[in-house]
């Protein structure tokens, strides 16, 4: 069922891209990925990983969730993962002088799969948290940001702080980090005597986007990476952005087993790719330039435990 849903997501993404001149070119969803940036091996990264026990000789086995672009979905052959996560994984594998093997996994299964040795590392939009750091090591590669998007042509100005959403009809996904943040914003606004937010919830992405286009909703709040990718069609635009850990900063990272000895090698590899420009190419292919980091860090401060 998940496999069929992933294929449907790819088809819907293609259908949502209009022929308007303002829309960006359709992404490369071919299994060959001819435009994927590649890298030379980094001797120092290889040296740092010399004591790490890889699953296969000459291979980096990477777990990734293949559910949604721009993170990862199936290519047109319905079996090859493509997206930003596979691109980042490719740069790390190249840097370590290894062939990349991508293994699709569900979000719920990646922690056990990594701990049990099914993968060497996981590249799957995992946010660094203090709780996760008790079991895993991290090498950061992207800022975790929440985007606020409006219909192109909307008269709403920039949305920079809680008071800017007062009185708006706002779409957010239930039981998510972003919902908790905007609920806190709304509570703060009510205490200040401002108008309440009208929250709207949709299970269907297409219906959600139609709500914005029709004016039934004013704004959508969700993971900026996904919203920015969808905004390629020119129908929506960014009105504001805030950290996924608001008011704290949050980062996405390559995830490895705690104390396994590969995190520093991955961090060095990522920093080499940031310096040589391959990292920027890997982000721009999926409209993620706004989430770029200046340098990768091993196990930075994570979001605190609840």
C-alpha atoms as a PDB file:
ATOM      1  CA  UNK A   1       0.000   0.000   0.000  1.00  0.00           C
ATOM      2  CA  UNK A   2       2.826   2.445   0.891  1.00  0.00           C
ATOM      3  CA  UNK A   3       4.518   1.601  -2.406  1.00  0.00           C
ATOM      4  CA  UNK A   4       1.358   2.478  -4.340  1.00  0.00           C
ATOM      5  CA  UNK A   5       0.940   5.700  -2.372  1.00  0.00           C
ATOM      6  CA  UNK A   6       4.510   6.746  -3.151  1.00  0.00           C
ATOM      7  CA  UNK A   7       3.893   6.229  -6.866  1.00  0.00           C
ATOM      8  CA  UNK A   8       0.686   8.257  -6.600  1.00  0.00           C
ATOM      9  CA  UNK A   9       2.579  11.093  -4.906  1.00  0.00           C
ATOM     10  CA  UNK A  10       5.008  11.237  -7.813  1.00  0.00           C
ATOM     11  CA  UNK A  11       2.168  11.270 -10.346  1.00  0.00           C
ATOM     12  CA  UNK A  12       0.272  13.972  -8.448  1.00  0.00           C
ATOM     13  CA  UNK A  13       3.420  16.090  -8.220  1.00  0.00           C
ATOM     14  CA  UNK A  14       3.765  15.881 -11.982  1.00  0.00           C
ATOM     15  CA  UNK A  15       0.113  16.756 -12.548  1.00  0.00           C
ATOM     16  CA  UNK A  16       0.342  19.807 -10.307  1.00  0.00           C
ATOM     17  CA  UNK A  17       3.071  21.393 -12.435  1.00  0.00           C
ATOM     18  CA  UNK A  18       1.327  23.638 -15.001  1.00  0.00           C
ATOM     19  CA  UNK A  19       2.631  24.790 -18.342  1.00  0.00           C
ATOM     20  CA  UNK A  20       2.761  28.414 -17.191  1.00  0.00           C
ATOM     21  CA  UNK A  21       5.913  30.293 -18.080  1.00  0.00           C
ATOM     22  CA  UNK A  22       6.446  31.193 -14.422  1.00  0.00           C
ATOM     23  CA  UNK A  23       6.684  27.554 -13.372  1.00  0.00           C
ATOM     24  CA  UNK A  24      10.092  25.965 -12.964  1.00  0.00           C
ATOM     25  CA  UNK A  25      11.118  23.008 -15.137  1.00  0.00           C
ATOM     26  CA  UNK A  26       9.791  19.635 -14.042  1.00  0.00           C
ATOM     27  CA  UNK A  27      12.227  17.737 -11.810  1.00  0.00           C
ATOM     28  CA  UNK A  28      14.252  14.817 -13.099  1.00  0.00           C
ATOM     29  CA  UNK A  29      12.467  11.723 -11.828  1.00  0.00           C
ATOM     30  CA  UNK A  30      14.347   9.289 -14.043  1.00  0.00           C
ATOM     31  CA  UNK A  31      16.134   6.394 -12.334  1.00  0.00           C
ATOM     32  CA  UNK A  32      19.391   7.367 -14.087  1.00  0.00           C
ATOM     33  CA  UNK A  33      19.594  10.791 -12.366  1.00  0.00           C
ATOM     34  CA  UNK A  34      22.098  12.139 -14.876  1.00  0.00           C
ATOM     35  CA  UNK A  35      22.065  15.566 -13.214  1.00  0.00           C
ATOM     36  CA  UNK A  36      22.821  14.307  -9.709  1.00  0.00           C
ATOM     37  CA  UNK A  37      26.043  15.926  -8.428  1.00  0.00           C
ATOM     38  CA  UNK A  38      28.911  13.498  -7.874  1.00  0.00           C
ATOM     39  CA  UNK A  39      32.072  13.891  -5.830  1.00  0.00           C
ATOM     40  CA  UNK A  40      35.644  12.682  -5.637  1.00  0.00           C
ATOM     41  CA  UNK A  41      36.743  10.583  -2.669  1.00  0.00           C
ATOM     42  CA  UNK A  42      38.073  12.457   0.360  1.00  0.00           C
ATOM     43  CA  UNK A  43      41.101  10.685   1.828  1.00  0.00           C
ATOM     44  CA  UNK A  44      40.727  12.272   5.268  1.00  0.00           C
ATOM     45  CA  UNK A  45      37.072  11.182   5.474  1.00  0.00           C
ATOM     46  CA  UNK A  46      38.082   7.646   4.518  1.00  0.00           C
ATOM     47  CA  UNK A  47      40.760   7.687   7.232  1.00  0.00           C
ATOM     48  CA  UNK A  48      38.286   8.864   9.875  1.00  0.00           C
ATOM     49  CA  UNK A  49      35.947   5.994   8.973  1.00  0.00           C
ATOM     50  CA  UNK A  50      38.639   3.285   9.015  1.00  0.00           C
ATOM     51  CA  UNK A  51      37.326   1.656  12.218  1.00  0.00           C
ATOM     52  CA  UNK A  52      33.674   1.768  11.199  1.00  0.00           C
ATOM     53  CA  UNK A  53      32.167  -1.615  10.341  1.00  0.00           C
ATOM     54  CA  UNK A  54      30.357  -1.086   7.044  1.00  0.00           C
ATOM     55  CA  UNK A  55      27.590  -3.533   6.124  1.00  0.00           C
ATOM     56  CA  UNK A  56      29.098  -4.367   2.743  1.00  0.00           C
ATOM     57  CA  UNK A  57      32.569  -4.171   1.239  1.00  0.00           C
ATOM     58  CA  UNK A  58      33.006  -1.020  -0.829  1.00  0.00           C
ATOM     59  CA  UNK A  59      29.385   0.053  -0.283  1.00  0.00           C
ATOM     60  CA  UNK A  60      27.610   2.654   1.858  1.00  0.00           C
ATOM     61  CA  UNK A  61      24.166   1.321   2.742  1.00  0.00           C
ATOM     62  CA  UNK A  62      21.803   4.226   3.396  1.00  0.00           C
ATOM     63  CA  UNK A  63      18.279   3.992   4.755  1.00  0.00           C
ATOM     64  CA  UNK A  64      15.801   6.580   3.467  1.00  0.00           C
ATOM     65  CA  UNK A  65      12.049   7.043   3.529  1.00  0.00           C
ATOM     66  CA  UNK A  66      10.615   7.212   0.027  1.00  0.00           C
ATOM     67  CA  UNK A  67       7.335   8.895   0.670  1.00  0.00           C
ATOM     68  CA  UNK A  68       7.512  12.458  -0.548  1.00  0.00           C
ATOM     69  CA  UNK A  69       9.475  14.885  -2.648  1.00  0.00           C
ATOM     70  CA  UNK A  70      11.693  16.808  -2.310  1.00  0.00           C
ATOM     71  CA  UNK A  71      13.089  14.455   0.344  1.00  0.00           C
ATOM     72  CA  UNK A  72      12.712  11.158  -1.519  1.00  0.00           C
ATOM     73  CA  UNK A  73      10.187   9.323  -3.679  1.00  0.00           C
ATOM     74  CA  UNK A  74      10.325   6.630  -6.323  1.00  0.00           C
ATOM     75  CA  UNK A  75      11.566   7.407  -9.809  1.00  0.00           C
ATOM     76  CA  UNK A  76       9.564   6.670 -12.928  1.00  0.00           C
ATOM     77  CA  UNK A  77      10.653   3.029 -12.706  1.00  0.00           C
ATOM     78  CA  UNK A  78       8.710   2.871  -9.379  1.00  0.00           C
ATOM     79  CA  UNK A  79      11.646   1.351  -7.491  1.00  0.00           C
ATOM     80  CA  UNK A  80      14.622   3.753  -7.523  1.00  0.00           C
ATOM     81  CA  UNK A  81      14.623   6.403  -4.746  1.00  0.00           C
ATOM     82  CA  UNK A  82      15.239   9.944  -6.021  1.00  0.00           C
ATOM     83  CA  UNK A  83      15.203  13.303  -4.272  1.00  0.00           C
ATOM     84  CA  UNK A  84      17.391  15.458  -2.061  1.00  0.00           C
ATOM     85  CA  UNK A  85      18.074  12.736   0.499  1.00  0.00           C
ATOM     86  CA  UNK A  86      19.465  10.352  -2.163  1.00  0.00           C
ATOM     87  CA  UNK A  87      21.536  13.239  -3.579  1.00  0.00           C
ATOM     88  CA  UNK A  88      23.073  13.958  -0.173  1.00  0.00           C
ATOM     89  CA  UNK A  89      23.643  10.242   0.390  1.00  0.00           C
ATOM     90  CA  UNK A  90      25.424  10.024  -2.971  1.00  0.00           C
ATOM     91  CA  UNK A  91      27.833  12.828  -2.045  1.00  0.00           C
ATOM     92  CA  UNK A  92      28.662  11.124   1.256  1.00  0.00           C
ATOM     93  CA  UNK A  93      29.179   7.736  -0.420  1.00  0.00           C
ATOM     94  CA  UNK A  94      31.404   9.283  -3.098  1.00  0.00           C
ATOM     95  CA  UNK A  95      33.454  11.091  -0.455  1.00  0.00           C
ATOM     96  CA  UNK A  96      34.018   7.812   1.372  1.00  0.00           C
ATOM     97  CA  UNK A  97      35.053   6.122  -1.866  1.00  0.00           C
ATOM     98  CA  UNK A  98      32.071   3.779  -1.804  1.00  0.00           C
ATOM     99  CA  UNK A  99      29.189   2.767  -4.017  1.00  0.00           C
ATOM    100  CA  UNK A 100      25.792   3.972  -2.800  1.00  0.00           C
ATOM    101  CA  UNK A 101      23.054   1.478  -1.962  1.00  0.00           C
ATOM    102  CA  UNK A 102      19.737   3.044  -0.971  1.00  0.00           C
ATOM    103  CA  UNK A 103      17.299   1.010   1.119  1.00  0.00           C
ATOM    104  CA  UNK A 104      13.728   2.273   1.393  1.00  0.00           C
ATOM    105  CA  UNK A 105      12.244   2.251   4.865  1.00  0.00           C
ATOM    106  CA  UNK A 106       9.242   3.728   6.609  1.00  0.00           C
ATOM    107  CA  UNK A 107       9.694   6.630   9.007  1.00  0.00           C
ATOM    108  CA  UNK A 108       8.581   4.465  11.926  1.00  0.00           C
ATOM    109  CA  UNK A 109      11.137   1.760  11.090  1.00  0.00           C
ATOM    110  CA  UNK A 110      14.355   3.699  10.507  1.00  0.00           C
ATOM    111  CA  UNK A 111      15.487   3.818  14.196  1.00  0.00           C
ATOM    112  CA  UNK A 112      15.300   0.038  14.658  1.00  0.00           C
ATOM    113  CA  UNK A 113      16.741  -0.573  11.199  1.00  0.00           C
ATOM    114  CA  UNK A 114      19.744   1.609  11.990  1.00  0.00           C
ATOM    115  CA  UNK A 115      20.315   0.153  15.453  1.00  0.00           C
ATOM    116  CA  UNK A 116      20.043  -3.416  14.167  1.00  0.00           C
ATOM    117  CA  UNK A 117      22.641  -2.804  11.453  1.00  0.00           C
ATOM    118  CA  UNK A 118      20.327  -2.867   8.450  1.00  0.00           C
ATOM    119  CA  UNK A 119      21.858   0.445   7.293  1.00  0.00           C
ATOM    120  CA  UNK A 120      25.212   2.133   7.792  1.00  0.00           C
ATOM    121  CA  UNK A 121      23.528   5.529   8.097  1.00  0.00           C
ATOM    122  CA  UNK A 122      20.101   7.074   7.572  1.00  0.00           C
ATOM    123  CA  UNK A 123      19.437  10.128   5.401  1.00  0.00           C
ATOM    124  CA  UNK A 124      15.758  10.851   5.890  1.00  0.00           C
ATOM    125  CA  UNK A 125      15.013  14.410   7.066  1.00  0.00           C
ATOM    126  CA  UNK A 126      15.809  13.489  10.677  1.00  0.00           C
ATOM    127  CA  UNK A 127      15.902  16.457  13.055  1.00  0.00           C
ATOM    128  CA  UNK A 128      18.575  16.518  15.772  1.00  0.00           C
ATOM    129  CA  UNK A 129      17.013  16.223  19.224  1.00  0.00           C
ATOM    130  CA  UNK A 130      18.561  15.632  22.619  1.00  0.00           C
ATOM    131  CA  UNK A 131      16.464  12.498  23.052  1.00  0.00           C
ATOM    132  CA  UNK A 132      17.654  11.034  19.747  1.00  0.00           C
ATOM    133  CA  UNK A 133      21.264  11.877  20.607  1.00  0.00           C
ATOM    134  CA  UNK A 134      21.075   9.306  23.402  1.00  0.00           C
ATOM    135  CA  UNK A 135      20.929   6.572  20.746  1.00  0.00           C
ATOM    136  CA  UNK A 136      22.335   8.147  17.579  1.00  0.00           C
ATOM    137  CA  UNK A 137      25.097  10.395  16.251  1.00  0.00           C
ATOM    138  CA  UNK A 138      24.379  13.208  13.811  1.00  0.00           C
ATOM    139  CA  UNK A 139      26.112  15.055  10.965  1.00  0.00           C
ATOM    140  CA  UNK A 140      24.025  18.077  10.005  1.00  0.00           C
ATOM    141  CA  UNK A 141      23.261  18.974   6.393  1.00  0.00           C
ATOM    142  CA  UNK A 142      20.200  21.239   6.322  1.00  0.00           C
ATOM    143  CA  UNK A 143      18.295  23.725   8.451  1.00  0.00           C
ATOM    144  CA  UNK A 144      14.932  22.482   9.680  1.00  0.00           C
ATOM    145  CA  UNK A 145      12.503  25.227   8.700  1.00  0.00           C
ATOM    146  CA  UNK A 146       8.756  25.694   8.705  1.00  0.00           C
ATOM    147  CA  UNK A 147       7.360  27.733   5.825  1.00  0.00           C
ATOM    148  CA  UNK A 148       4.284  29.946   5.676  1.00  0.00           C
ATOM    149  CA  UNK A 149       2.837  30.023   2.164  1.00  0.00           C
ATOM    150  CA  UNK A 150       0.063  32.080   0.570  1.00  0.00           C
ATOM    151  CA  UNK A 151      -1.571  32.201  -2.823  1.00  0.00           C
ATOM    152  CA  UNK A 152       0.511  34.053  -5.404  1.00  0.00           C
ATOM    153  CA  UNK A 153      -1.039  37.495  -5.679  1.00  0.00           C
ATOM    154  CA  UNK A 154      -2.252  37.456  -2.068  1.00  0.00           C
ATOM    155  CA  UNK A 155      -2.442  40.877  -0.450  1.00  0.00           C
ATOM    156  CA  UNK A 156      -1.066  39.503   2.815  1.00  0.00           C
ATOM    157  CA  UNK A 157       2.323  40.915   3.668  1.00  0.00           C
ATOM    158  CA  UNK A 158       5.280  39.180   5.245  1.00  0.00           C
ATOM    159  CA  UNK A 159       4.430  36.949   8.202  1.00  0.00           C
ATOM    160  CA  UNK A 160       7.278  37.263  10.672  1.00  0.00           C
ATOM    161  CA  UNK A 161       5.820  36.912  14.164  1.00  0.00           C
ATOM    162  CA  UNK A 162       2.795  35.531  16.036  1.00  0.00           C
ATOM    163  CA  UNK A 163       0.624  38.649  15.687  1.00  0.00           C
ATOM    164  CA  UNK A 164       0.847  38.375  11.885  1.00  0.00           C
ATOM    165  CA  UNK A 165      -1.388  35.274  11.854  1.00  0.00           C
ATOM    166  CA  UNK A 166      -4.133  36.786  14.019  1.00  0.00           C
ATOM    167  CA  UNK A 167      -7.547  36.387  12.394  1.00  0.00           C
ATOM    168  CA  UNK A 168      -6.276  34.314   9.464  1.00  0.00           C
ATOM    169  CA  UNK A 169      -7.687  31.054   8.114  1.00  0.00           C
ATOM    170  CA  UNK A 170      -4.677  28.806   8.549  1.00  0.00           C
ATOM    171  CA  UNK A 171      -4.036  25.275   7.295  1.00  0.00           C
ATOM    172  CA  UNK A 172      -1.751  23.064   9.375  1.00  0.00           C
ATOM    173  CA  UNK A 173      -1.361  19.316   9.775  1.00  0.00           C
ATOM    174  CA  UNK A 174      -2.630  17.895  13.054  1.00  0.00           C
ATOM    175  CA  UNK A 175      -0.279  16.401  15.634  1.00  0.00           C
ATOM    176  CA  UNK A 176       2.824  18.012  14.149  1.00  0.00           C
ATOM    177  CA  UNK A 177       5.539  20.238  15.529  1.00  0.00           C
ATOM    178  CA  UNK A 178       4.317  23.144  13.411  1.00  0.00           C
ATOM    179  CA  UNK A 179       0.801  22.776  14.778  1.00  0.00           C
ATOM    180  CA  UNK A 180       2.118  23.036  18.331  1.00  0.00           C
ATOM    181  CA  UNK A 181       4.012  26.195  17.407  1.00  0.00           C
ATOM    182  CA  UNK A 182       1.087  28.000  15.746  1.00  0.00           C
ATOM    183  CA  UNK A 183      -1.211  26.930  18.593  1.00  0.00           C
ATOM    184  CA  UNK A 184       1.202  28.656  20.984  1.00  0.00           C
ATOM    185  CA  UNK A 185       1.213  31.702  18.709  1.00  0.00           C
ATOM    186  CA  UNK A 186      -2.580  31.803  18.725  1.00  0.00           C
ATOM    187  CA  UNK A 187      -2.689  31.489  22.510  1.00  0.00           C
ATOM    188  CA  UNK A 188      -0.239  34.384  22.775  1.00  0.00           C
ATOM    189  CA  UNK A 189      -2.389  36.480  20.421  1.00  0.00           C
ATOM    190  CA  UNK A 190      -5.589  35.780  22.344  1.00  0.00           C
ATOM    191  CA  UNK A 191      -3.894  36.863  25.563  1.00  0.00           C
ATOM    192  CA  UNK A 192      -3.008  40.124  23.801  1.00  0.00           C
ATOM    193  CA  UNK A 193      -6.603  40.675  22.715  1.00  0.00           C
ATOM    194  CA  UNK A 194      -6.028  39.826  19.033  1.00  0.00           C
ATOM    195  CA  UNK A 195      -8.408  37.884  16.785  1.00  0.00           C
ATOM    196  CA  UNK A 196      -8.235  34.082  16.932  1.00  0.00           C
ATOM    197  CA  UNK A 197      -6.857  31.947  14.131  1.00  0.00           C
ATOM    198  CA  UNK A 198      -9.316  29.752  12.238  1.00  0.00           C
ATOM    199  CA  UNK A 199      -7.468  26.442  11.993  1.00  0.00           C
ATOM    200  CA  UNK A 200      -8.190  24.128   9.080  1.00  0.00           C
ATOM    201  CA  UNK A 201      -7.040  20.526   8.684  1.00  0.00           C
ATOM    202  CA  UNK A 202      -6.862  18.485   5.472  1.00  0.00           C
ATOM    203  CA  UNK A 203      -5.743  14.898   4.910  1.00  0.00           C
ATOM    204  CA  UNK A 204      -5.507  15.355   1.132  1.00  0.00           C
ATOM    205  CA  UNK A 205      -2.692  17.526  -0.262  1.00  0.00           C
ATOM    206  CA  UNK A 206      -4.625  18.361  -3.427  1.00  0.00           C
ATOM    207  CA  UNK A 207      -7.669  19.556  -1.449  1.00  0.00           C
ATOM    208  CA  UNK A 208      -5.359  21.547   0.788  1.00  0.00           C
ATOM    209  CA  UNK A 209      -3.808  23.378  -2.155  1.00  0.00           C
ATOM    210  CA  UNK A 210      -7.250  24.016  -3.667  1.00  0.00           C
ATOM    211  CA  UNK A 211      -8.305  25.610  -0.369  1.00  0.00           C
ATOM    212  CA  UNK A 212      -5.487  28.134  -0.714  1.00  0.00           C
ATOM    213  CA  UNK A 213      -6.194  28.792  -4.397  1.00  0.00           C
ATOM    214  CA  UNK A 214      -9.933  29.281  -3.826  1.00  0.00           C
ATOM    215  CA  UNK A 215      -9.535  31.603  -0.856  1.00  0.00           C
ATOM    216  CA  UNK A 216     -11.140  29.165   1.556  1.00  0.00           C
ATOM    217  CA  UNK A 217      -7.888  29.420   3.493  1.00  0.00           C
ATOM    218  CA  UNK A 218      -5.404  32.286   3.774  1.00  0.00           C
ATOM    219  CA  UNK A 219      -2.157  30.524   4.592  1.00  0.00           C
ATOM    220  CA  UNK A 220      -0.568  27.102   4.806  1.00  0.00           C
ATOM    221  CA  UNK A 221       2.007  26.304   7.491  1.00  0.00           C
ATOM    222  CA  UNK A 222       4.164  23.214   7.027  1.00  0.00           C
ATOM    223  CA  UNK A 223       7.672  21.882   6.387  1.00  0.00           C
ATOM    224  CA  UNK A 224       9.317  24.505   4.195  1.00  0.00           C
ATOM    225  CA  UNK A 225      11.118  21.911   2.096  1.00  0.00           C
ATOM    226  CA  UNK A 226       7.839  20.364   0.911  1.00  0.00           C
ATOM    227  CA  UNK A 227       6.034  23.681   0.485  1.00  0.00           C
ATOM    228  CA  UNK A 228       8.956  25.232  -1.413  1.00  0.00           C
ATOM    229  CA  UNK A 229       9.062  22.253  -3.750  1.00  0.00           C
ATOM    230  CA  UNK A 230       5.322  22.546  -4.426  1.00  0.00           C
ATOM    231  CA  UNK A 231       5.669  26.310  -4.991  1.00  0.00           C
ATOM    232  CA  UNK A 232       7.678  25.548  -8.129  1.00  0.00           C
ATOM    233  CA  UNK A 233       4.379  25.690 -10.027  1.00  0.00           C
ATOM    234  CA  UNK A 234       4.087  29.423  -9.329  1.00  0.00           C
ATOM    235  CA  UNK A 235       0.689  29.130  -7.611  1.00  0.00           C
ATOM    236  CA  UNK A 236       1.935  29.810  -4.087  1.00  0.00           C
ATOM    237  CA  UNK A 237       4.691  31.941  -2.606  1.00  0.00           C
ATOM    238  CA  UNK A 238       6.658  32.132   0.624  1.00  0.00           C
ATOM    239  CA  UNK A 239       5.288  34.642   3.136  1.00  0.00           C
ATOM    240  CA  UNK A 240       7.417  33.704   6.122  1.00  0.00           C
ATOM    241  CA  UNK A 241       9.708  31.106   7.590  1.00  0.00           C
ATOM    242  CA  UNK A 242      10.684  30.069  11.100  1.00  0.00           C
ATOM    243  CA  UNK A 243      12.754  27.357  12.701  1.00  0.00           C
ATOM    244  CA  UNK A 244      11.205  23.945  13.158  1.00  0.00           C
ATOM    245  CA  UNK A 245      12.297  24.230  16.776  1.00  0.00           C
ATOM    246  CA  UNK A 246      10.921  27.740  17.322  1.00  0.00           C
ATOM    247  CA  UNK A 247      12.073  29.659  19.259  1.00  0.00           C
ATOM    248  CA  UNK A 248      15.160  27.432  19.078  1.00  0.00           C
ATOM    249  CA  UNK A 249      17.096  26.528  15.931  1.00  0.00           C
ATOM    250  CA  UNK A 250      16.785  23.013  14.553  1.00  0.00           C
ATOM    251  CA  UNK A 251      18.888  21.086  12.033  1.00  0.00           C
ATOM    252  CA  UNK A 252      18.439  18.024   9.819  1.00  0.00           C
ATOM    253  CA  UNK A 253      21.246  15.473   9.865  1.00  0.00           C
ATOM    254  CA  UNK A 254      22.692  12.247   8.514  1.00  0.00           C
ATOM    255  CA  UNK A 255      22.063   9.773  11.331  1.00  0.00           C
ATOM    256  CA  UNK A 256      24.375   6.962  12.481  1.00  0.00           C
ATOM    257  CA  UNK A 257      24.573   4.540  15.385  1.00  0.00           C
ATOM    258  CA  UNK A 258      25.792   6.075  18.620  1.00  0.00           C
ATOM    259  CA  UNK A 259      29.548   5.690  18.999  1.00  0.00           C
ATOM    260  CA  UNK A 260      29.900   3.716  15.755  1.00  0.00           C
ATOM    261  CA  UNK A 261      32.745   5.957  14.590  1.00  0.00           C
ATOM    262  CA  UNK A 262      31.433   7.218  11.259  1.00  0.00           C
ATOM    263  CA  UNK A 263      29.803  10.549  12.187  1.00  0.00           C
ATOM    264  CA  UNK A 264      32.999  12.616  12.081  1.00  0.00           C
ATOM    265  CA  UNK A 265      33.864  11.165   8.674  1.00  0.00           C
ATOM    266  CA  UNK A 266      30.418  12.065   7.344  1.00  0.00           C
ATOM    267  CA  UNK A 267      30.666  15.574   8.778  1.00  0.00           C
ATOM    268  CA  UNK A 268      34.051  16.102   7.140  1.00  0.00           C
ATOM    269  CA  UNK A 269      32.678  14.776   3.846  1.00  0.00           C
ATOM    270  CA  UNK A 270      29.715  17.140   3.975  1.00  0.00           C
ATOM    271  CA  UNK A 271      31.926  20.127   4.721  1.00  0.00           C
ATOM    272  CA  UNK A 272      34.127  19.260   1.750  1.00  0.00           C
ATOM    273  CA  UNK A 273      31.041  19.212  -0.475  1.00  0.00           C
ATOM    274  CA  UNK A 274      29.840  22.524   0.963  1.00  0.00           C
ATOM    275  CA  UNK A 275      33.188  24.108   0.065  1.00  0.00           C
ATOM    276  CA  UNK A 276      33.394  22.707  -3.465  1.00  0.00           C
ATOM    277  CA  UNK A 277      29.829  23.638  -4.429  1.00  0.00           C
ATOM    278  CA  UNK A 278      28.353  20.150  -4.832  1.00  0.00           C
ATOM    279  CA  UNK A 279      26.218  20.624  -1.740  1.00  0.00           C
ATOM    280  CA  UNK A 280      24.606  23.762  -3.186  1.00  0.00           C
ATOM    281  CA  UNK A 281      23.828  21.868  -6.391  1.00  0.00           C
ATOM    282  CA  UNK A 282      22.210  19.055  -4.417  1.00  0.00           C
ATOM    283  CA  UNK A 283      19.898  21.558  -2.726  1.00  0.00           C
ATOM    284  CA  UNK A 284      19.081  23.656  -5.792  1.00  0.00           C
ATOM    285  CA  UNK A 285      17.910  20.599  -7.752  1.00  0.00           C
ATOM    286  CA  UNK A 286      14.992  20.370  -5.308  1.00  0.00           C
ATOM    287  CA  UNK A 287      14.416  24.067  -4.561  1.00  0.00           C
ATOM    288  CA  UNK A 288      15.955  23.821  -1.078  1.00  0.00           C
ATOM    289  CA  UNK A 289      18.534  26.618  -1.266  1.00  0.00           C
ATOM    290  CA  UNK A 290      16.822  28.526   1.554  1.00  0.00           C
ATOM    291  CA  UNK A 291      17.621  25.695   3.990  1.00  0.00           C
ATOM    292  CA  UNK A 292      21.359  25.568   3.308  1.00  0.00           C
ATOM    293  CA  UNK A 293      23.795  25.508   6.231  1.00  0.00           C
ATOM    294  CA  UNK A 294      27.220  27.158   6.314  1.00  0.00           C
ATOM    295  CA  UNK A 295      28.961  24.125   7.770  1.00  0.00           C
ATOM    296  CA  UNK A 296      28.139  20.629   8.957  1.00  0.00           C
ATOM    297  CA  UNK A 297      28.473  19.816  12.657  1.00  0.00           C
ATOM    298  CA  UNK A 298      28.733  16.554  14.543  1.00  0.00           C
ATOM    299  CA  UNK A 299      26.163  16.232  17.344  1.00  0.00           C
ATOM    300  CA  UNK A 300      25.278  19.922  17.796  1.00  0.00           C
ATOM    301  CA  UNK A 301      22.781  20.932  20.505  1.00  0.00           C
ATOM    302  CA  UNK A 302      19.445  19.349  19.619  1.00  0.00           C
ATOM    303  CA  UNK A 303      15.886  20.235  20.388  1.00  0.00           C
ATOM    304  CA  UNK A 304      15.263  19.669  24.122  1.00  0.00           C
ATOM    305  CA  UNK A 305      13.192  16.836  25.496  1.00  0.00           C
ATOM    306  CA  UNK A 306       9.542  17.658  26.093  1.00  0.00           C
END
